[in-house]
């Protein structure tokens, strides 16, 4: 069952890759159609989504690394006790 944790991490990171970009595309296209500014709002929204994606992935990576460090320290402490 070790794979469940890693598949959860992969799903979280994949969500950060896909969700902001798709939302940025839809929002940008909607704003472009509303204000007849094709393609400016789409480009801006996708750019902002790209930044949000990068920040989200970095934060998720830091969180994963901290969890892995905690588990490693716990395993080392458990081995010392034995």
PDB file of N, CA and C in Angstrom:
ATOM      1  N   UNK A   1       0.812  -1.207   0.000  1.00  0.00           N
ATOM      2  CA  UNK A   1       0.000   0.000   0.000  1.00  0.00           C
ATOM      3  C   UNK A   1       0.854   1.269   0.000  1.00  0.00           C
ATOM      4  N   UNK A   2       2.157   1.139  -0.164  1.00  0.00           N
ATOM      5  CA  UNK A   2       3.049   2.284  -0.178  1.00  0.00           C
ATOM      6  C   UNK A   2       2.741   3.227  -1.338  1.00  0.00           C
ATOM      7  N   UNK A   3       2.168   2.699  -2.394  1.00  0.00           N
ATOM      8  CA  UNK A   3       1.923   3.478  -3.598  1.00  0.00           C
ATOM      9  C   UNK A   3       0.798   4.486  -3.434  1.00  0.00           C
ATOM     10  N   UNK A   4      -0.082   4.295  -2.463  1.00  0.00           N
ATOM     11  CA  UNK A   4      -1.210   5.217  -2.277  1.00  0.00           C
ATOM     12  C   UNK A   4      -0.730   6.634  -1.968  1.00  0.00           C
ATOM     13  N   UNK A   5       0.262   6.745  -1.122  1.00  0.00           N
ATOM     14  CA  UNK A   5       0.783   8.064  -0.762  1.00  0.00           C
ATOM     15  C   UNK A   5       1.381   8.762  -1.982  1.00  0.00           C
ATOM     16  N   UNK A   6       2.147   8.014  -2.764  1.00  0.00           N
ATOM     17  CA  UNK A   6       2.800   8.611  -3.923  1.00  0.00           C
ATOM     18  C   UNK A   6       1.813   8.945  -5.038  1.00  0.00           C
ATOM     19  N   UNK A   7       0.796   8.138  -5.201  1.00  0.00           N
ATOM     20  CA  UNK A   7      -0.215   8.462  -6.214  1.00  0.00           C
ATOM     21  C   UNK A   7      -1.007   9.695  -5.800  1.00  0.00           C
ATOM     22  N   UNK A   8      -1.236   9.869  -4.507  1.00  0.00           N
ATOM     23  CA  UNK A   8      -1.898  11.079  -4.019  1.00  0.00           C
ATOM     24  C   UNK A   8      -1.069  12.322  -4.297  1.00  0.00           C
ATOM     25  N   UNK A   9       0.243  12.205  -4.106  1.00  0.00           N
ATOM     26  CA  UNK A   9       1.133  13.330  -4.414  1.00  0.00           C
ATOM     27  C   UNK A   9       1.082  13.668  -5.896  1.00  0.00           C
ATOM     28  N   UNK A  10       1.075  12.649  -6.736  1.00  0.00           N
ATOM     29  CA  UNK A  10       1.036  12.866  -8.179  1.00  0.00           C
ATOM     30  C   UNK A  10      -0.270  13.543  -8.596  1.00  0.00           C
ATOM     31  N   UNK A  11      -1.359  13.145  -7.998  1.00  0.00           N
ATOM     32  CA  UNK A  11      -2.653  13.753  -8.316  1.00  0.00           C
ATOM     33  C   UNK A  11      -2.677  15.216  -7.899  1.00  0.00           C
ATOM     34  N   UNK A  12      -2.115  15.517  -6.719  1.00  0.00           N
ATOM     35  CA  UNK A  12      -2.065  16.907  -6.255  1.00  0.00           C
ATOM     36  C   UNK A  12      -1.258  17.785  -7.206  1.00  0.00           C
ATOM     37  N   UNK A  13      -0.092  17.310  -7.603  1.00  0.00           N
ATOM     38  CA  UNK A  13       0.754  18.092  -8.505  1.00  0.00           C
ATOM     39  C   UNK A  13       0.099  18.211  -9.876  1.00  0.00           C
ATOM     40  N   UNK A  14      -0.521  17.153 -10.352  1.00  0.00           N
ATOM     41  CA  UNK A  14      -1.213  17.201 -11.646  1.00  0.00           C
ATOM     42  C   UNK A  14      -2.353  18.205 -11.624  1.00  0.00           C
ATOM     43  N   UNK A  15      -3.050  18.270 -10.498  1.00  0.00           N
ATOM     44  CA  UNK A  15      -4.118  19.258 -10.361  1.00  0.00           C
ATOM     45  C   UNK A  15      -3.590  20.674 -10.495  1.00  0.00           C
ATOM     46  N   UNK A  16      -2.407  20.924  -9.898  1.00  0.00           N
ATOM     47  CA  UNK A  16      -1.800  22.256 -10.026  1.00  0.00           C
ATOM     48  C   UNK A  16      -1.350  22.535 -11.452  1.00  0.00           C
ATOM     49  N   UNK A  17      -1.056  21.496 -12.214  1.00  0.00           N
ATOM     50  CA  UNK A  17      -0.658  21.704 -13.604  1.00  0.00           C
ATOM     51  C   UNK A  17      -1.845  22.032 -14.496  1.00  0.00           C
ATOM     52  N   UNK A  18      -2.955  21.383 -14.269  1.00  0.00           N
ATOM     53  CA  UNK A  18      -4.079  21.457 -15.193  1.00  0.00           C
ATOM     54  C   UNK A  18      -5.104  22.533 -14.839  1.00  0.00           C
ATOM     55  N   UNK A  19      -5.539  22.563 -13.600  1.00  0.00           N
ATOM     56  CA  UNK A  19      -6.674  23.406 -13.215  1.00  0.00           C
ATOM     57  C   UNK A  19      -6.475  24.902 -13.494  1.00  0.00           C
ATOM     58  N   UNK A  20      -5.379  25.533 -13.063  1.00  0.00           N
ATOM     59  CA  UNK A  20      -5.251  26.971 -13.324  1.00  0.00           C
ATOM     60  C   UNK A  20      -5.182  27.311 -14.815  1.00  0.00           C
ATOM     61  N   UNK A  21      -4.529  26.473 -15.591  1.00  0.00           N
ATOM     62  CA  UNK A  21      -4.404  26.757 -17.021  1.00  0.00           C
ATOM     63  C   UNK A  21      -5.773  26.681 -17.702  1.00  0.00           C
ATOM     64  N   UNK A  22      -6.537  25.648 -17.392  1.00  0.00           N
ATOM     65  CA  UNK A  22      -7.863  25.513 -17.997  1.00  0.00           C
ATOM     66  C   UNK A  22      -8.760  26.673 -17.569  1.00  0.00           C
ATOM     67  N   UNK A  23      -8.747  27.002 -16.287  1.00  0.00           N
ATOM     68  CA  UNK A  23      -9.557  28.136 -15.825  1.00  0.00           C
ATOM     69  C   UNK A  23      -9.112  29.439 -16.494  1.00  0.00           C
ATOM     70  N   UNK A  24      -7.805  29.632 -16.639  1.00  0.00           N
ATOM     71  CA  UNK A  24      -7.294  30.825 -17.304  1.00  0.00           C
ATOM     72  C   UNK A  24      -7.740  30.911 -18.752  1.00  0.00           C
ATOM     73  N   UNK A  25      -7.728  29.774 -19.445  1.00  0.00           N
ATOM     74  CA  UNK A  25      -8.190  29.761 -20.834  1.00  0.00           C
ATOM     75  C   UNK A  25      -9.660  30.137 -20.946  1.00  0.00           C
ATOM     76  N   UNK A  26     -10.495  29.497 -20.131  1.00  0.00           N
ATOM     77  CA  UNK A  26     -11.928  29.796 -20.203  1.00  0.00           C
ATOM     78  C   UNK A  26     -12.235  31.237 -19.801  1.00  0.00           C
ATOM     79  N   UNK A  27     -11.609  31.711 -18.735  1.00  0.00           N
ATOM     80  CA  UNK A  27     -11.839  33.086 -18.305  1.00  0.00           C
ATOM     81  C   UNK A  27     -11.356  34.075 -19.361  1.00  0.00           C
ATOM     82  N   UNK A  28     -10.179  33.834 -19.921  1.00  0.00           N
ATOM     83  CA  UNK A  28      -9.642  34.719 -20.951  1.00  0.00           C
ATOM     84  C   UNK A  28     -10.511  34.765 -22.196  1.00  0.00           C
ATOM     85  N   UNK A  29     -10.959  33.621 -22.645  1.00  0.00           N
ATOM     86  CA  UNK A  29     -11.835  33.589 -23.835  1.00  0.00           C
ATOM     87  C   UNK A  29     -13.157  34.290 -23.559  1.00  0.00           C
ATOM     88  N   UNK A  30     -13.690  34.092 -22.365  1.00  0.00           N
ATOM     89  CA  UNK A  30     -14.946  34.749 -22.025  1.00  0.00           C
ATOM     90  C   UNK A  30     -14.760  36.265 -21.997  1.00  0.00           C
ATOM     91  N   UNK A  31     -13.696  36.737 -21.369  1.00  0.00           N
ATOM     92  CA  UNK A  31     -13.445  38.176 -21.313  1.00  0.00           C
ATOM     93  C   UNK A  31     -13.180  38.749 -22.706  1.00  0.00           C
ATOM     94  N   UNK A  32     -12.455  38.010 -23.546  1.00  0.00           N
ATOM     95  CA  UNK A  32     -12.212  38.467 -24.918  1.00  0.00           C
ATOM     96  C   UNK A  32     -13.506  38.586 -25.713  1.00  0.00           C
ATOM     97  N   UNK A  33     -14.408  37.622 -25.528  1.00  0.00           N
ATOM     98  CA  UNK A  33     -15.672  37.697 -26.260  1.00  0.00           C
ATOM     99  C   UNK A  33     -16.558  38.826 -25.730  1.00  0.00           C
ATOM    100  N   UNK A  34     -16.462  39.089 -24.441  1.00  0.00           N
ATOM    101  CA  UNK A  34     -17.283  40.142 -23.846  1.00  0.00           C
ATOM    102  C   UNK A  34     -16.805  41.534 -24.259  1.00  0.00           C
ATOM    103  N   UNK A  35     -15.483  41.735 -24.304  1.00  0.00           N
ATOM    104  CA  UNK A  35     -14.948  43.059 -24.583  1.00  0.00           C
ATOM    105  C   UNK A  35     -14.318  43.189 -25.980  1.00  0.00           C
ATOM    106  N   UNK A  36     -14.439  42.170 -26.816  1.00  0.00           N
ATOM    107  CA  UNK A  36     -13.886  42.143 -28.170  1.00  0.00           C
ATOM    108  C   UNK A  36     -12.408  42.559 -28.183  1.00  0.00           C
ATOM    109  N   UNK A  37     -11.619  41.928 -27.360  1.00  0.00           N
ATOM    110  CA  UNK A  37     -10.190  42.245 -27.261  1.00  0.00           C
ATOM    111  C   UNK A  37      -9.325  41.051 -27.633  1.00  0.00           C
ATOM    112  N   UNK A  38      -9.842  40.197 -28.482  1.00  0.00           N
ATOM    113  CA  UNK A  38      -9.152  38.962 -28.833  1.00  0.00           C
ATOM    114  C   UNK A  38      -7.723  39.234 -29.232  1.00  0.00           C
ATOM    115  N   UNK A  39      -6.739  38.575 -28.753  1.00  0.00           N
ATOM    116  CA  UNK A  39      -6.533  37.526 -27.771  1.00  0.00           C
ATOM    117  C   UNK A  39      -5.947  38.034 -26.461  1.00  0.00           C
ATOM    118  N   UNK A  40      -6.033  39.317 -26.177  1.00  0.00           N
ATOM    119  CA  UNK A  40      -5.293  39.905 -25.060  1.00  0.00           C
ATOM    120  C   UNK A  40      -5.675  39.346 -23.694  1.00  0.00           C
ATOM    121  N   UNK A  41      -6.950  39.253 -23.398  1.00  0.00           N
ATOM    122  CA  UNK A  41      -7.334  38.715 -22.094  1.00  0.00           C
ATOM    123  C   UNK A  41      -6.938  37.249 -21.949  1.00  0.00           C
ATOM    124  N   UNK A  42      -7.034  36.498 -23.039  1.00  0.00           N
ATOM    125  CA  UNK A  42      -6.635  35.094 -22.978  1.00  0.00           C
ATOM    126  C   UNK A  42      -5.151  34.974 -22.668  1.00  0.00           C
ATOM    127  N   UNK A  43      -4.341  35.772 -23.324  1.00  0.00           N
ATOM    128  CA  UNK A  43      -2.897  35.727 -23.086  1.00  0.00           C
ATOM    129  C   UNK A  43      -2.572  36.123 -21.647  1.00  0.00           C
ATOM    130  N   UNK A  44      -3.205  37.174 -21.161  1.00  0.00           N
ATOM    131  CA  UNK A  44      -2.953  37.634 -19.793  1.00  0.00           C
ATOM    132  C   UNK A  44      -3.419  36.593 -18.780  1.00  0.00           C
ATOM    133  N   UNK A  45      -4.601  36.047 -18.963  1.00  0.00           N
ATOM    134  CA  UNK A  45      -5.126  35.049 -18.017  1.00  0.00           C
ATOM    135  C   UNK A  45      -4.283  33.780 -18.012  1.00  0.00           C
ATOM    136  N   UNK A  46      -3.827  33.334 -19.173  1.00  0.00           N
ATOM    137  CA  UNK A  46      -2.980  32.149 -19.219  1.00  0.00           C
ATOM    138  C   UNK A  46      -1.626  32.449 -18.562  1.00  0.00           C
ATOM    139  N   UNK A  47      -1.100  33.652 -18.760  1.00  0.00           N
ATOM    140  CA  UNK A  47       0.146  34.034 -18.102  1.00  0.00           C
ATOM    141  C   UNK A  47       0.013  34.030 -16.589  1.00  0.00           C
ATOM    142  N   UNK A  48      -1.069  34.588 -16.100  1.00  0.00           N
ATOM    143  CA  UNK A  48      -1.320  34.585 -14.651  1.00  0.00           C
ATOM    144  C   UNK A  48      -1.504  33.156 -14.151  1.00  0.00           C
ATOM    145  N   UNK A  49      -2.211  32.341 -14.910  1.00  0.00           N
ATOM    146  CA  UNK A  49      -2.417  30.943 -14.532  1.00  0.00           C
ATOM    147  C   UNK A  49      -1.084  30.192 -14.493  1.00  0.00           C
ATOM    148  N   UNK A  50      -0.188  30.511 -15.406  1.00  0.00           N
ATOM    149  CA  UNK A  50       1.129  29.878 -15.417  1.00  0.00           C
ATOM    150  C   UNK A  50       1.892  30.205 -14.135  1.00  0.00           C
ATOM    151  N   UNK A  51       1.833  31.450 -13.718  1.00  0.00           N
ATOM    152  CA  UNK A  51       2.500  31.854 -12.472  1.00  0.00           C
ATOM    153  C   UNK A  51       1.863  31.145 -11.280  1.00  0.00           C
ATOM    154  N   UNK A  52       0.535  31.099 -11.245  1.00  0.00           N
ATOM    155  CA  UNK A  52      -0.169  30.415 -10.153  1.00  0.00           C
ATOM    156  C   UNK A  52       0.208  28.932 -10.126  1.00  0.00           C
ATOM    157  N   UNK A  53       0.302  28.312 -11.297  1.00  0.00           N
ATOM    158  CA  UNK A  53       0.691  26.910 -11.392  1.00  0.00           C
ATOM    159  C   UNK A  53       2.080  26.692 -10.807  1.00  0.00           C
ATOM    160  N   UNK A  54       3.026  27.544 -11.179  1.00  0.00           N
ATOM    161  CA  UNK A  54       4.387  27.388 -10.670  1.00  0.00           C
ATOM    162  C   UNK A  54       4.457  27.560  -9.160  1.00  0.00           C
ATOM    163  N   UNK A  55       3.777  28.562  -8.646  1.00  0.00           N
ATOM    164  CA  UNK A  55       3.768  28.791  -7.196  1.00  0.00           C
ATOM    165  C   UNK A  55       3.127  27.600  -6.481  1.00  0.00           C
ATOM    166  N   UNK A  56       2.028  27.108  -7.014  1.00  0.00           N
ATOM    167  CA  UNK A  56       1.345  25.965  -6.397  1.00  0.00           C
ATOM    168  C   UNK A  56       2.196  24.711  -6.391  1.00  0.00           C
ATOM    169  N   UNK A  57       2.894  24.450  -7.488  1.00  0.00           N
ATOM    170  CA  UNK A  57       3.745  23.264  -7.560  1.00  0.00           C
ATOM    171  C   UNK A  57       4.915  23.392  -6.589  1.00  0.00           C
ATOM    172  N   UNK A  58       5.497  24.573  -6.503  1.00  0.00           N
ATOM    173  CA  UNK A  58       6.613  24.777  -5.571  1.00  0.00           C
ATOM    174  C   UNK A  58       6.146  24.580  -4.136  1.00  0.00           C
ATOM    175  N   UNK A  59       5.006  25.167  -3.782  1.00  0.00           N
ATOM    176  CA  UNK A  59       4.488  25.008  -2.418  1.00  0.00           C
ATOM    177  C   UNK A  59       4.168  23.544  -2.120  1.00  0.00           C
ATOM    178  N   UNK A  60       3.584  22.845  -3.101  1.00  0.00           N
ATOM    179  CA  UNK A  60       3.263  21.427  -2.915  1.00  0.00           C
ATOM    180  C   UNK A  60       4.546  20.614  -2.761  1.00  0.00           C
ATOM    181  N   UNK A  61       5.560  20.937  -3.533  1.00  0.00           N
ATOM    182  CA  UNK A  61       6.836  20.233  -3.426  1.00  0.00           C
ATOM    183  C   UNK A  61       7.488  20.428  -2.067  1.00  0.00           C
ATOM    184  N   UNK A  62       7.447  21.649  -1.560  1.00  0.00           N
ATOM    185  CA  UNK A  62       8.001  21.927  -0.237  1.00  0.00           C
ATOM    186  C   UNK A  62       7.249  21.139   0.831  1.00  0.00           C
ATOM    187  N   UNK A  63       5.931  21.105   0.712  1.00  0.00           N
ATOM    188  CA  UNK A  63       5.113  20.358   1.675  1.00  0.00           C
ATOM    189  C   UNK A  63       5.457  18.867   1.633  1.00  0.00           C
ATOM    190  N   UNK A  64       5.618  18.318   0.444  1.00  0.00           N
ATOM    191  CA  UNK A  64       5.961  16.903   0.294  1.00  0.00           C
ATOM    192  C   UNK A  64       7.338  16.627   0.878  1.00  0.00           C
ATOM    193  N   UNK A  65       8.292  17.511   0.619  1.00  0.00           N
ATOM    194  CA  UNK A  65       9.646  17.313   1.143  1.00  0.00           C
ATOM    195  C   UNK A  65       9.656  17.346   2.672  1.00  0.00           C
ATOM    196  N   UNK A  66       8.900  18.254   3.268  1.00  0.00           N
ATOM    197  CA  UNK A  66       8.831  18.324   4.730  1.00  0.00           C
ATOM    198  C   UNK A  66       8.235  17.050   5.313  1.00  0.00           C
ATOM    199  N   UNK A  67       7.182  16.540   4.677  1.00  0.00           N
ATOM    200  CA  UNK A  67       6.575  15.292   5.147  1.00  0.00           C
ATOM    201  C   UNK A  67       7.555  14.128   5.045  1.00  0.00           C
ATOM    202  N   UNK A  68       8.309  14.081   3.960  1.00  0.00           N
ATOM    203  CA  UNK A  68       9.283  13.012   3.782  1.00  0.00           C
ATOM    204  C   UNK A  68      10.396  13.110   4.819  1.00  0.00           C
ATOM    205  N   UNK A  69      10.836  14.327   5.142  1.00  0.00           N
ATOM    206  CA  UNK A  69      11.866  14.513   6.165  1.00  0.00           C
ATOM    207  C   UNK A  69      11.363  14.048   7.533  1.00  0.00           C
ATOM    208  N   UNK A  70      10.106  14.371   7.862  1.00  0.00           N
ATOM    209  CA  UNK A  70       9.536  13.937   9.134  1.00  0.00           C
ATOM    210  C   UNK A  70       9.508  12.414   9.226  1.00  0.00           C
ATOM    211  N   UNK A  71       9.083  11.769   8.136  1.00  0.00           N
ATOM    212  CA  UNK A  71       9.019  10.310   8.139  1.00  0.00           C
ATOM    213  C   UNK A  71      10.412   9.706   8.266  1.00  0.00           C
ATOM    214  N   UNK A  72      11.378  10.302   7.591  1.00  0.00           N
ATOM    215  CA  UNK A  72      12.743   9.793   7.656  1.00  0.00           C
ATOM    216  C   UNK A  72      13.306   9.931   9.070  1.00  0.00           C
ATOM    217  N   UNK A  73      13.066  11.077   9.702  1.00  0.00           N
ATOM    218  CA  UNK A  73      13.539  11.277  11.075  1.00  0.00           C
ATOM    219  C   UNK A  73      12.870  10.290  12.019  1.00  0.00           C
ATOM    220  N   UNK A  74      11.588  10.032  11.805  1.00  0.00           N
ATOM    221  CA  UNK A  74      10.871   9.079  12.656  1.00  0.00           C
ATOM    222  C   UNK A  74      11.430   7.673  12.475  1.00  0.00           C
ATOM    223  N   UNK A  75      11.726   7.296  11.234  1.00  0.00           N
ATOM    224  CA  UNK A  75      12.288   5.970  10.975  1.00  0.00           C
ATOM    225  C   UNK A  75      13.660   5.826  11.629  1.00  0.00           C
ATOM    226  N   UNK A  76      14.469   6.878  11.552  1.00  0.00           N
ATOM    227  CA  UNK A  76      15.796   6.834  12.179  1.00  0.00           C
ATOM    228  C   UNK A  76      15.648   6.709  13.695  1.00  0.00           C
ATOM    229  N   UNK A  77      14.724   7.464  14.278  1.00  0.00           N
ATOM    230  CA  UNK A  77      14.503   7.395  15.727  1.00  0.00           C
ATOM    231  C   UNK A  77      14.004   6.006  16.128  1.00  0.00           C
ATOM    232  N   UNK A  78      13.121   5.427  15.313  1.00  0.00           N
ATOM    233  CA  UNK A  78      12.626   4.081  15.612  1.00  0.00           C
ATOM    234  C   UNK A  78      13.743   3.037  15.556  1.00  0.00           C
ATOM    235  N   UNK A  79      14.657   3.204  14.599  1.00  0.00           N
ATOM    236  CA  UNK A  79      15.762   2.257  14.475  1.00  0.00           C
ATOM    237  C   UNK A  79      16.723   2.375  15.656  1.00  0.00           C
ATOM    238  N   UNK A  80      16.914   3.605  16.147  1.00  0.00           N
ATOM    239  CA  UNK A  80      17.801   3.806  17.284  1.00  0.00           C
ATOM    240  C   UNK A  80      17.214   3.175  18.545  1.00  0.00           C
ATOM    241  N   UNK A  81      15.897   3.194  18.674  1.00  0.00           N
ATOM    242  CA  UNK A  81      15.244   2.617  19.846  1.00  0.00           C
ATOM    243  C   UNK A  81      15.396   1.103  19.889  1.00  0.00           C
ATOM    244  N   UNK A  82      15.483   0.487  18.734  1.00  0.00           N
ATOM    245  CA  UNK A  82      15.591  -0.984  18.673  1.00  0.00           C
ATOM    246  C   UNK A  82      16.980  -1.381  18.901  1.00  0.00           C
TER     247      UNK A  82
END
